[in-house]
Amino acid sequence: MPNASVTRLIDQRKDKLIEFVLDIEKYPEFIPFCDSSKIYERNDDGQIINIIADLTIGKGPFKDTFKSDVKYIKKDGLIHVVNIGGPLNFLENNWKFQDKGNCKNGYKTEVIFDIDFEIENKFLNTLMTKSFQYGLDKIADAFQKRAEEI
């Protein structure tokens, strides 16, 4: 299974970054190859925000829609995502946020993004293993650029 991790120090407050990552409907505006997104359900029980959402990823005739269960666990400052539908056998990713600055020296947050997945098609899974880190870095660049603009 392809798995990867990206860590970035972003010039933004932790709470703003969490709101930004949870704003899934805006992903098509800035994520490469993200064609569309849809939120089916969003619940907040005070401790956990739970979101069921689709992302359609790809270009031209090579598009697939992924349905995910997104949980923001407030006390841990963690966003946990699992695949619940689409062309993947397995998907799990985690976003971790740690304050690294303050109002005196500038707000900064370290964001750690870990992902592990398996595509149903074994040939594509092998290809993705070889090139996934490059694609993940491109997506992380897009997230960072947009996050520092908000």
N, C-alpha and C. Protein backbone atom coordinates (compact mmCIF):
# COMPACT_ATOMS: atom_id res chain seq x y z
N MET A 1 0.84 -1.18 0.00
CA MET A 1 0.00 0.00 0.00
C MET A 1 0.88 1.24 0.00
N PRO A 2 0.54 2.22 -0.85
CA PRO A 2 1.28 3.48 -0.77
C PRO A 2 0.98 4.17 0.56
N ASN A 3 2.00 4.68 1.20
CA ASN A 3 1.79 5.53 2.36
C ASN A 3 2.87 6.60 2.34
N ALA A 4 2.50 7.73 2.91
CA ALA A 4 3.42 8.86 2.89
C ALA A 4 3.06 9.81 4.02
N SER A 5 3.98 10.73 4.27
CA SER A 5 3.77 11.74 5.30
C SER A 5 4.39 13.04 4.84
N VAL A 6 3.72 14.14 5.17
CA VAL A 6 4.22 15.47 4.86
C VAL A 6 4.09 16.31 6.12
N THR A 7 5.12 17.07 6.43
CA THR A 7 5.09 18.00 7.55
C THR A 7 5.39 19.38 7.02
N ARG A 8 4.56 20.35 7.40
CA ARG A 8 4.75 21.73 6.96
C ARG A 8 4.58 22.68 8.14
N LEU A 9 5.37 23.74 8.15
CA LEU A 9 5.19 24.83 9.10
C LEU A 9 4.48 25.94 8.35
N ILE A 10 3.27 26.25 8.77
CA ILE A 10 2.41 27.19 8.04
C ILE A 10 2.18 28.44 8.87
N ASP A 11 2.30 29.58 8.22
CA ASP A 11 2.09 30.88 8.87
C ASP A 11 0.60 31.14 9.03
N GLN A 12 0.01 30.47 10.03
CA GLN A 12 -1.42 30.63 10.28
C GLN A 12 -1.72 30.03 11.65
N ARG A 13 -2.79 30.52 12.26
CA ARG A 13 -3.22 30.00 13.56
C ARG A 13 -3.80 28.59 13.41
N LYS A 14 -3.61 27.79 14.43
CA LYS A 14 -4.08 26.41 14.44
C LYS A 14 -5.59 26.32 14.18
N ASP A 15 -6.38 27.12 14.89
CA ASP A 15 -7.84 27.04 14.72
C ASP A 15 -8.28 27.40 13.31
N LYS A 16 -7.61 28.36 12.69
CA LYS A 16 -7.93 28.74 11.31
C LYS A 16 -7.60 27.60 10.34
N LEU A 17 -6.47 26.90 10.58
CA LEU A 17 -6.09 25.79 9.72
C LEU A 17 -7.07 24.62 9.83
N ILE A 18 -7.52 24.35 11.03
CA ILE A 18 -8.49 23.27 11.21
C ILE A 18 -9.79 23.60 10.48
N GLU A 19 -10.29 24.82 10.64
CA GLU A 19 -11.49 25.25 9.90
C GLU A 19 -11.27 25.11 8.41
N PHE A 20 -10.10 25.51 7.95
CA PHE A 20 -9.75 25.45 6.53
C PHE A 20 -9.77 24.01 6.00
N VAL A 21 -9.16 23.08 6.71
CA VAL A 21 -9.13 21.68 6.28
C VAL A 21 -10.54 21.09 6.29
N LEU A 22 -11.36 21.48 7.24
CA LEU A 22 -12.74 20.96 7.32
C LEU A 22 -13.67 21.59 6.29
N ASP A 23 -13.24 22.64 5.61
CA ASP A 23 -14.07 23.31 4.60
C ASP A 23 -13.92 22.58 3.25
N ILE A 24 -14.33 21.34 3.24
CA ILE A 24 -14.13 20.42 2.12
C ILE A 24 -14.76 20.93 0.83
N GLU A 25 -15.85 21.64 0.92
CA GLU A 25 -16.53 22.13 -0.28
C GLU A 25 -15.67 23.09 -1.09
N LYS A 26 -14.66 23.69 -0.49
CA LYS A 26 -13.79 24.61 -1.22
C LYS A 26 -12.57 23.94 -1.85
N TYR A 27 -12.36 22.66 -1.60
CA TYR A 27 -11.18 21.98 -2.15
C TYR A 27 -11.03 22.13 -3.67
N PRO A 28 -12.11 22.05 -4.46
CA PRO A 28 -11.93 22.19 -5.92
C PRO A 28 -11.34 23.54 -6.35
N GLU A 29 -11.41 24.53 -5.49
CA GLU A 29 -10.88 25.86 -5.83
C GLU A 29 -9.36 25.89 -5.86
N PHE A 30 -8.70 24.94 -5.18
CA PHE A 30 -7.25 25.06 -5.08
C PHE A 30 -6.47 23.74 -5.11
N ILE A 31 -7.11 22.61 -4.96
CA ILE A 31 -6.39 21.34 -4.97
C ILE A 31 -6.26 20.83 -6.41
N PRO A 32 -5.04 20.53 -6.85
CA PRO A 32 -4.86 20.01 -8.20
C PRO A 32 -5.68 18.74 -8.42
N PHE A 33 -6.38 18.68 -9.54
CA PHE A 33 -7.17 17.53 -9.98
C PHE A 33 -8.39 17.24 -9.13
N CYS A 34 -8.76 18.15 -8.21
CA CYS A 34 -10.00 17.98 -7.45
C CYS A 34 -11.10 18.67 -8.26
N ASP A 35 -11.96 17.86 -8.85
CA ASP A 35 -13.00 18.35 -9.75
C ASP A 35 -14.23 18.86 -9.00
N SER A 36 -14.63 18.15 -7.96
CA SER A 36 -15.82 18.57 -7.21
C SER A 36 -15.80 17.95 -5.81
N SER A 37 -16.65 18.50 -4.96
CA SER A 37 -16.81 17.98 -3.60
C SER A 37 -18.25 18.16 -3.18
N LYS A 38 -18.68 17.31 -2.27
CA LYS A 38 -20.06 17.39 -1.77
C LYS A 38 -20.09 16.91 -0.33
N ILE A 39 -20.75 17.68 0.52
CA ILE A 39 -20.96 17.31 1.91
C ILE A 39 -22.36 16.70 2.02
N TYR A 40 -22.43 15.49 2.57
CA TYR A 40 -23.72 14.84 2.76
C TYR A 40 -24.25 15.06 4.17
N GLU A 41 -23.32 15.14 5.10
CA GLU A 41 -23.71 15.20 6.50
C GLU A 41 -22.61 15.91 7.28
N ARG A 42 -23.02 16.75 8.23
CA ARG A 42 -22.07 17.40 9.12
C ARG A 42 -22.73 17.52 10.49
N ASN A 43 -22.11 16.91 11.50
CA ASN A 43 -22.63 16.92 12.86
C ASN A 43 -21.53 17.35 13.81
N ASP A 44 -21.91 18.10 14.84
CA ASP A 44 -20.98 18.54 15.86
C ASP A 44 -21.62 18.27 17.22
N ASP A 45 -21.04 17.32 17.96
CA ASP A 45 -21.60 16.99 19.27
C ASP A 45 -20.88 17.73 20.41
N GLY A 46 -20.01 18.69 20.04
CA GLY A 46 -19.26 19.44 21.03
C GLY A 46 -17.85 18.90 21.23
N GLN A 47 -17.66 17.61 21.03
CA GLN A 47 -16.34 16.99 21.17
C GLN A 47 -15.76 16.54 19.84
N ILE A 48 -16.66 16.11 18.95
CA ILE A 48 -16.24 15.61 17.63
C ILE A 48 -17.12 16.22 16.55
N ILE A 49 -16.48 16.70 15.48
CA ILE A 49 -17.22 17.09 14.28
C ILE A 49 -17.09 15.93 13.31
N ASN A 50 -18.24 15.43 12.85
CA ASN A 50 -18.24 14.31 11.91
C ASN A 50 -18.81 14.79 10.57
N ILE A 51 -18.09 14.49 9.49
CA ILE A 51 -18.50 14.90 8.15
C ILE A 51 -18.45 13.69 7.23
N ILE A 52 -19.51 13.50 6.45
CA ILE A 52 -19.51 12.51 5.37
C ILE A 52 -19.47 13.31 4.08
N ALA A 53 -18.46 13.03 3.25
CA ALA A 53 -18.25 13.87 2.06
C ALA A 53 -17.70 13.05 0.89
N ASP A 54 -17.96 13.57 -0.31
CA ASP A 54 -17.39 13.04 -1.54
C ASP A 54 -16.36 14.01 -2.09
N LEU A 55 -15.30 13.48 -2.67
CA LEU A 55 -14.36 14.24 -3.50
C LEU A 55 -14.26 13.51 -4.83
N THR A 56 -14.39 14.26 -5.91
CA THR A 56 -14.15 13.69 -7.24
C THR A 56 -12.80 14.18 -7.70
N ILE A 57 -11.91 13.22 -7.96
CA ILE A 57 -10.51 13.51 -8.29
C ILE A 57 -10.21 12.96 -9.68
N GLY A 58 -9.45 13.73 -10.47
CA GLY A 58 -9.01 13.24 -11.77
C GLY A 58 -9.09 14.32 -12.83
N LYS A 59 -8.93 13.89 -14.06
CA LYS A 59 -8.92 14.80 -15.19
C LYS A 59 -9.56 14.09 -16.38
N GLY A 60 -10.42 14.81 -17.10
CA GLY A 60 -11.05 14.24 -18.29
C GLY A 60 -11.80 12.96 -17.96
N PRO A 61 -11.58 11.91 -18.76
CA PRO A 61 -12.31 10.65 -18.52
C PRO A 61 -11.75 9.85 -17.33
N PHE A 62 -10.64 10.30 -16.76
CA PHE A 62 -9.99 9.58 -15.66
C PHE A 62 -10.35 10.22 -14.33
N LYS A 63 -11.62 10.09 -13.94
CA LYS A 63 -12.10 10.65 -12.68
C LYS A 63 -12.72 9.56 -11.84
N ASP A 64 -12.59 9.70 -10.54
CA ASP A 64 -13.24 8.80 -9.61
C ASP A 64 -13.73 9.62 -8.42
N THR A 65 -14.79 9.14 -7.82
CA THR A 65 -15.35 9.80 -6.63
C THR A 65 -15.09 8.93 -5.41
N PHE A 66 -14.60 9.58 -4.37
CA PHE A 66 -14.24 8.93 -3.11
C PHE A 66 -15.15 9.46 -2.02
N LYS A 67 -15.79 8.58 -1.30
CA LYS A 67 -16.62 8.98 -0.16
C LYS A 67 -15.83 8.72 1.11
N SER A 68 -15.82 9.69 1.98
CA SER A 68 -15.01 9.59 3.21
C SER A 68 -15.81 9.98 4.44
N ASP A 69 -15.41 9.39 5.54
CA ASP A 69 -15.90 9.74 6.87
C ASP A 69 -14.78 10.53 7.54
N VAL A 70 -15.06 11.81 7.80
CA VAL A 70 -14.07 12.74 8.35
C VAL A 70 -14.47 13.06 9.79
N LYS A 71 -13.54 12.84 10.71
CA LYS A 71 -13.82 13.16 12.12
C LYS A 71 -12.76 14.12 12.64
N TYR A 72 -13.22 15.25 13.18
CA TYR A 72 -12.31 16.16 13.87
C TYR A 72 -12.50 15.94 15.36
N ILE A 73 -11.47 15.41 16.01
CA ILE A 73 -11.49 15.13 17.44
C ILE A 73 -10.88 16.34 18.13
N LYS A 74 -11.73 17.17 18.68
CA LYS A 74 -11.33 18.49 19.18
C LYS A 74 -10.25 18.43 20.26
N LYS A 75 -10.42 17.55 21.24
CA LYS A 75 -9.46 17.53 22.36
C LYS A 75 -8.05 17.14 21.91
N ASP A 76 -7.96 16.38 20.82
CA ASP A 76 -6.66 15.94 20.31
C ASP A 76 -6.10 16.82 19.21
N GLY A 77 -6.93 17.75 18.69
CA GLY A 77 -6.50 18.57 17.56
C GLY A 77 -6.17 17.70 16.35
N LEU A 78 -6.97 16.66 16.12
CA LEU A 78 -6.69 15.66 15.09
C LEU A 78 -7.89 15.51 14.16
N ILE A 79 -7.61 15.47 12.86
CA ILE A 79 -8.63 15.15 11.88
C ILE A 79 -8.28 13.77 11.33
N HIS A 80 -9.22 12.84 11.46
CA HIS A 80 -9.02 11.45 11.02
C HIS A 80 -10.01 11.15 9.90
N VAL A 81 -9.50 10.61 8.79
CA VAL A 81 -10.32 10.35 7.60
C VAL A 81 -10.20 8.89 7.21
N VAL A 82 -11.35 8.24 6.94
CA VAL A 82 -11.36 6.88 6.41
C VAL A 82 -12.28 6.82 5.20
N ASN A 83 -11.91 5.95 4.27
CA ASN A 83 -12.68 5.72 3.06
C ASN A 83 -13.92 4.89 3.39
N ILE A 84 -15.08 5.30 2.85
CA ILE A 84 -16.29 4.50 3.02
C ILE A 84 -16.94 4.19 1.68
N GLY A 85 -16.31 4.59 0.57
CA GLY A 85 -16.85 4.27 -0.75
C GLY A 85 -15.95 4.80 -1.84
N GLY A 86 -15.98 4.13 -2.99
CA GLY A 86 -15.17 4.57 -4.11
C GLY A 86 -14.19 3.51 -4.55
N PRO A 87 -13.22 3.88 -5.37
CA PRO A 87 -12.32 2.89 -5.99
C PRO A 87 -11.14 2.45 -5.12
N LEU A 88 -11.24 2.62 -3.83
CA LEU A 88 -10.14 2.24 -2.95
C LEU A 88 -10.52 1.04 -2.10
N ASN A 89 -9.57 0.16 -1.91
CA ASN A 89 -9.76 -0.92 -0.93
C ASN A 89 -9.67 -0.37 0.48
N PHE A 90 -8.82 0.65 0.61
CA PHE A 90 -8.50 1.16 1.94
C PHE A 90 -7.98 2.59 1.82
N LEU A 91 -8.37 3.45 2.71
CA LEU A 91 -7.80 4.79 2.84
C LEU A 91 -7.90 5.21 4.29
N GLU A 92 -6.82 5.73 4.80
CA GLU A 92 -6.82 6.32 6.13
C GLU A 92 -5.81 7.46 6.11
N ASN A 93 -6.25 8.63 6.58
CA ASN A 93 -5.29 9.72 6.73
C ASN A 93 -5.58 10.50 7.99
N ASN A 94 -4.53 11.15 8.48
CA ASN A 94 -4.61 11.93 9.71
C ASN A 94 -3.95 13.28 9.49
N TRP A 95 -4.60 14.31 10.00
CA TRP A 95 -4.05 15.66 10.04
C TRP A 95 -3.80 15.97 11.52
N LYS A 96 -2.57 16.34 11.87
CA LYS A 96 -2.24 16.74 13.24
C LYS A 96 -1.75 18.18 13.20
N PHE A 97 -2.17 18.97 14.17
CA PHE A 97 -1.86 20.40 14.22
C PHE A 97 -1.21 20.74 15.55
N GLN A 98 -0.05 21.43 15.48
CA GLN A 98 0.64 21.82 16.71
C GLN A 98 1.04 23.29 16.61
N ASP A 99 0.64 24.07 17.64
CA ASP A 99 1.04 25.48 17.70
C ASP A 99 2.55 25.59 17.79
N LYS A 100 3.13 26.49 16.99
CA LYS A 100 4.58 26.73 17.03
C LYS A 100 4.91 28.21 17.16
N GLY A 101 3.92 29.05 17.22
CA GLY A 101 4.17 30.48 17.35
C GLY A 101 3.10 31.10 18.23
N ASN A 102 3.14 32.43 18.33
CA ASN A 102 2.15 33.14 19.13
C ASN A 102 1.99 34.55 18.59
N CYS A 103 1.19 35.37 19.28
CA CYS A 103 0.93 36.72 18.77
C CYS A 103 2.19 37.60 18.77
N LYS A 104 3.18 37.28 19.62
CA LYS A 104 4.41 38.08 19.66
C LYS A 104 5.33 37.78 18.49
N ASN A 105 5.54 36.49 18.22
CA ASN A 105 6.49 36.14 17.15
C ASN A 105 5.80 35.64 15.88
N GLY A 106 4.49 35.78 15.81
CA GLY A 106 3.74 35.37 14.62
C GLY A 106 3.16 33.98 14.81
N TYR A 107 1.90 33.86 14.41
CA TYR A 107 1.24 32.57 14.53
C TYR A 107 1.79 31.61 13.49
N LYS A 108 2.20 30.44 13.94
CA LYS A 108 2.67 29.38 13.06
C LYS A 108 2.10 28.06 13.60
N THR A 109 1.81 27.17 12.69
CA THR A 109 1.31 25.87 13.08
C THR A 109 2.04 24.80 12.28
N GLU A 110 2.51 23.79 12.98
CA GLU A 110 3.07 22.64 12.30
C GLU A 110 1.92 21.70 11.95
N VAL A 111 1.83 21.34 10.68
CA VAL A 111 0.80 20.43 10.21
C VAL A 111 1.48 19.16 9.73
N ILE A 112 1.04 18.04 10.30
CA ILE A 112 1.56 16.74 9.90
C ILE A 112 0.41 15.98 9.25
N PHE A 113 0.62 15.57 8.00
CA PHE A 113 -0.39 14.83 7.25
C PHE A 113 0.16 13.46 6.89
N ASP A 114 -0.50 12.43 7.39
CA ASP A 114 -0.11 11.05 7.10
C ASP A 114 -1.22 10.39 6.29
N ILE A 115 -0.85 9.62 5.27
CA ILE A 115 -1.86 8.93 4.45
C ILE A 115 -1.38 7.53 4.13
N ASP A 116 -2.33 6.62 4.12
CA ASP A 116 -2.08 5.23 3.77
C ASP A 116 -3.30 4.76 2.98
N PHE A 117 -3.10 4.15 1.81
CA PHE A 117 -4.24 3.72 1.00
C PHE A 117 -3.86 2.57 0.09
N GLU A 118 -4.89 1.93 -0.45
CA GLU A 118 -4.70 0.88 -1.44
C GLU A 118 -5.80 1.01 -2.48
N ILE A 119 -5.38 1.04 -3.75
CA ILE A 119 -6.32 1.11 -4.88
C ILE A 119 -6.72 -0.31 -5.25
N GLU A 120 -7.99 -0.50 -5.66
CA GLU A 120 -8.46 -1.82 -6.05
C GLU A 120 -7.64 -2.41 -7.20
N ASN A 121 -7.28 -1.59 -8.17
CA ASN A 121 -6.52 -2.03 -9.33
C ASN A 121 -5.05 -2.20 -8.93
N LYS A 122 -4.55 -3.44 -8.95
CA LYS A 122 -3.19 -3.74 -8.49
C LYS A 122 -2.12 -3.03 -9.32
N PHE A 123 -2.33 -2.93 -10.64
CA PHE A 123 -1.36 -2.24 -11.50
C PHE A 123 -1.28 -0.76 -11.13
N LEU A 124 -2.44 -0.11 -10.98
CA LEU A 124 -2.45 1.31 -10.57
C LEU A 124 -1.84 1.48 -9.19
N ASN A 125 -2.08 0.53 -8.31
CA ASN A 125 -1.52 0.60 -6.96
C ASN A 125 0.01 0.60 -7.02
N THR A 126 0.58 -0.23 -7.90
CA THR A 126 2.04 -0.27 -8.07
C THR A 126 2.56 1.05 -8.62
N LEU A 127 1.86 1.61 -9.62
CA LEU A 127 2.26 2.91 -10.18
C LEU A 127 2.20 4.01 -9.13
N MET A 128 1.13 4.02 -8.35
CA MET A 128 0.97 5.05 -7.32
C MET A 128 2.06 4.95 -6.27
N THR A 129 2.48 3.77 -5.95
CA THR A 129 3.55 3.60 -4.96
C THR A 129 4.80 4.34 -5.42
N LYS A 130 5.09 4.30 -6.71
CA LYS A 130 6.29 4.93 -7.26
C LYS A 130 6.21 6.45 -7.30
N SER A 131 5.01 7.01 -7.53
CA SER A 131 4.91 8.45 -7.78
C SER A 131 4.09 9.21 -6.73
N PHE A 132 3.64 8.52 -5.71
CA PHE A 132 2.70 9.16 -4.79
C PHE A 132 3.29 10.33 -4.00
N GLN A 133 4.52 10.21 -3.54
CA GLN A 133 5.11 11.28 -2.74
C GLN A 133 5.15 12.59 -3.53
N TYR A 134 5.47 12.52 -4.81
CA TYR A 134 5.50 13.71 -5.67
C TYR A 134 4.12 14.37 -5.70
N GLY A 135 3.08 13.57 -5.92
CA GLY A 135 1.72 14.11 -5.97
C GLY A 135 1.29 14.69 -4.63
N LEU A 136 1.65 14.01 -3.56
CA LEU A 136 1.30 14.49 -2.22
C LEU A 136 1.98 15.83 -1.94
N ASP A 137 3.23 15.97 -2.35
CA ASP A 137 3.94 17.24 -2.16
C ASP A 137 3.24 18.37 -2.92
N LYS A 138 2.74 18.09 -4.13
CA LYS A 138 2.02 19.10 -4.91
C LYS A 138 0.74 19.53 -4.20
N ILE A 139 0.02 18.56 -3.66
CA ILE A 139 -1.21 18.87 -2.93
C ILE A 139 -0.88 19.66 -1.67
N ALA A 140 0.17 19.26 -0.95
CA ALA A 140 0.59 19.98 0.26
C ALA A 140 0.99 21.41 -0.07
N ASP A 141 1.68 21.60 -1.20
CA ASP A 141 2.04 22.96 -1.64
C ASP A 141 0.78 23.81 -1.84
N ALA A 142 -0.23 23.22 -2.49
CA ALA A 142 -1.48 23.95 -2.77
C ALA A 142 -2.19 24.30 -1.45
N PHE A 143 -2.24 23.35 -0.51
CA PHE A 143 -2.87 23.60 0.79
C PHE A 143 -2.12 24.73 1.51
N GLN A 144 -0.80 24.66 1.55
CA GLN A 144 -0.02 25.66 2.27
C GLN A 144 -0.21 27.03 1.67
N LYS A 145 -0.12 27.13 0.35
CA LYS A 145 -0.27 28.44 -0.32
C LYS A 145 -1.63 29.04 0.00
N ARG A 146 -2.69 28.25 -0.11
CA ARG A 146 -4.04 28.75 0.17
C ARG A 146 -4.22 29.08 1.65
N ALA A 147 -3.69 28.24 2.54
CA ALA A 147 -3.83 28.46 3.99
C ALA A 147 -3.18 29.75 4.42
N GLU A 148 -2.05 30.09 3.82
CA GLU A 148 -1.36 31.31 4.21
C GLU A 148 -2.02 32.55 3.64
N GLU A 149 -2.98 32.36 2.73
CA GLU A 149 -3.73 33.50 2.17
C GLU A 149 -5.00 33.81 2.96
N ILE A 150 -5.49 32.85 3.76
CA ILE A 150 -6.76 33.06 4.47
C ILE A 150 -6.58 33.94 5.69
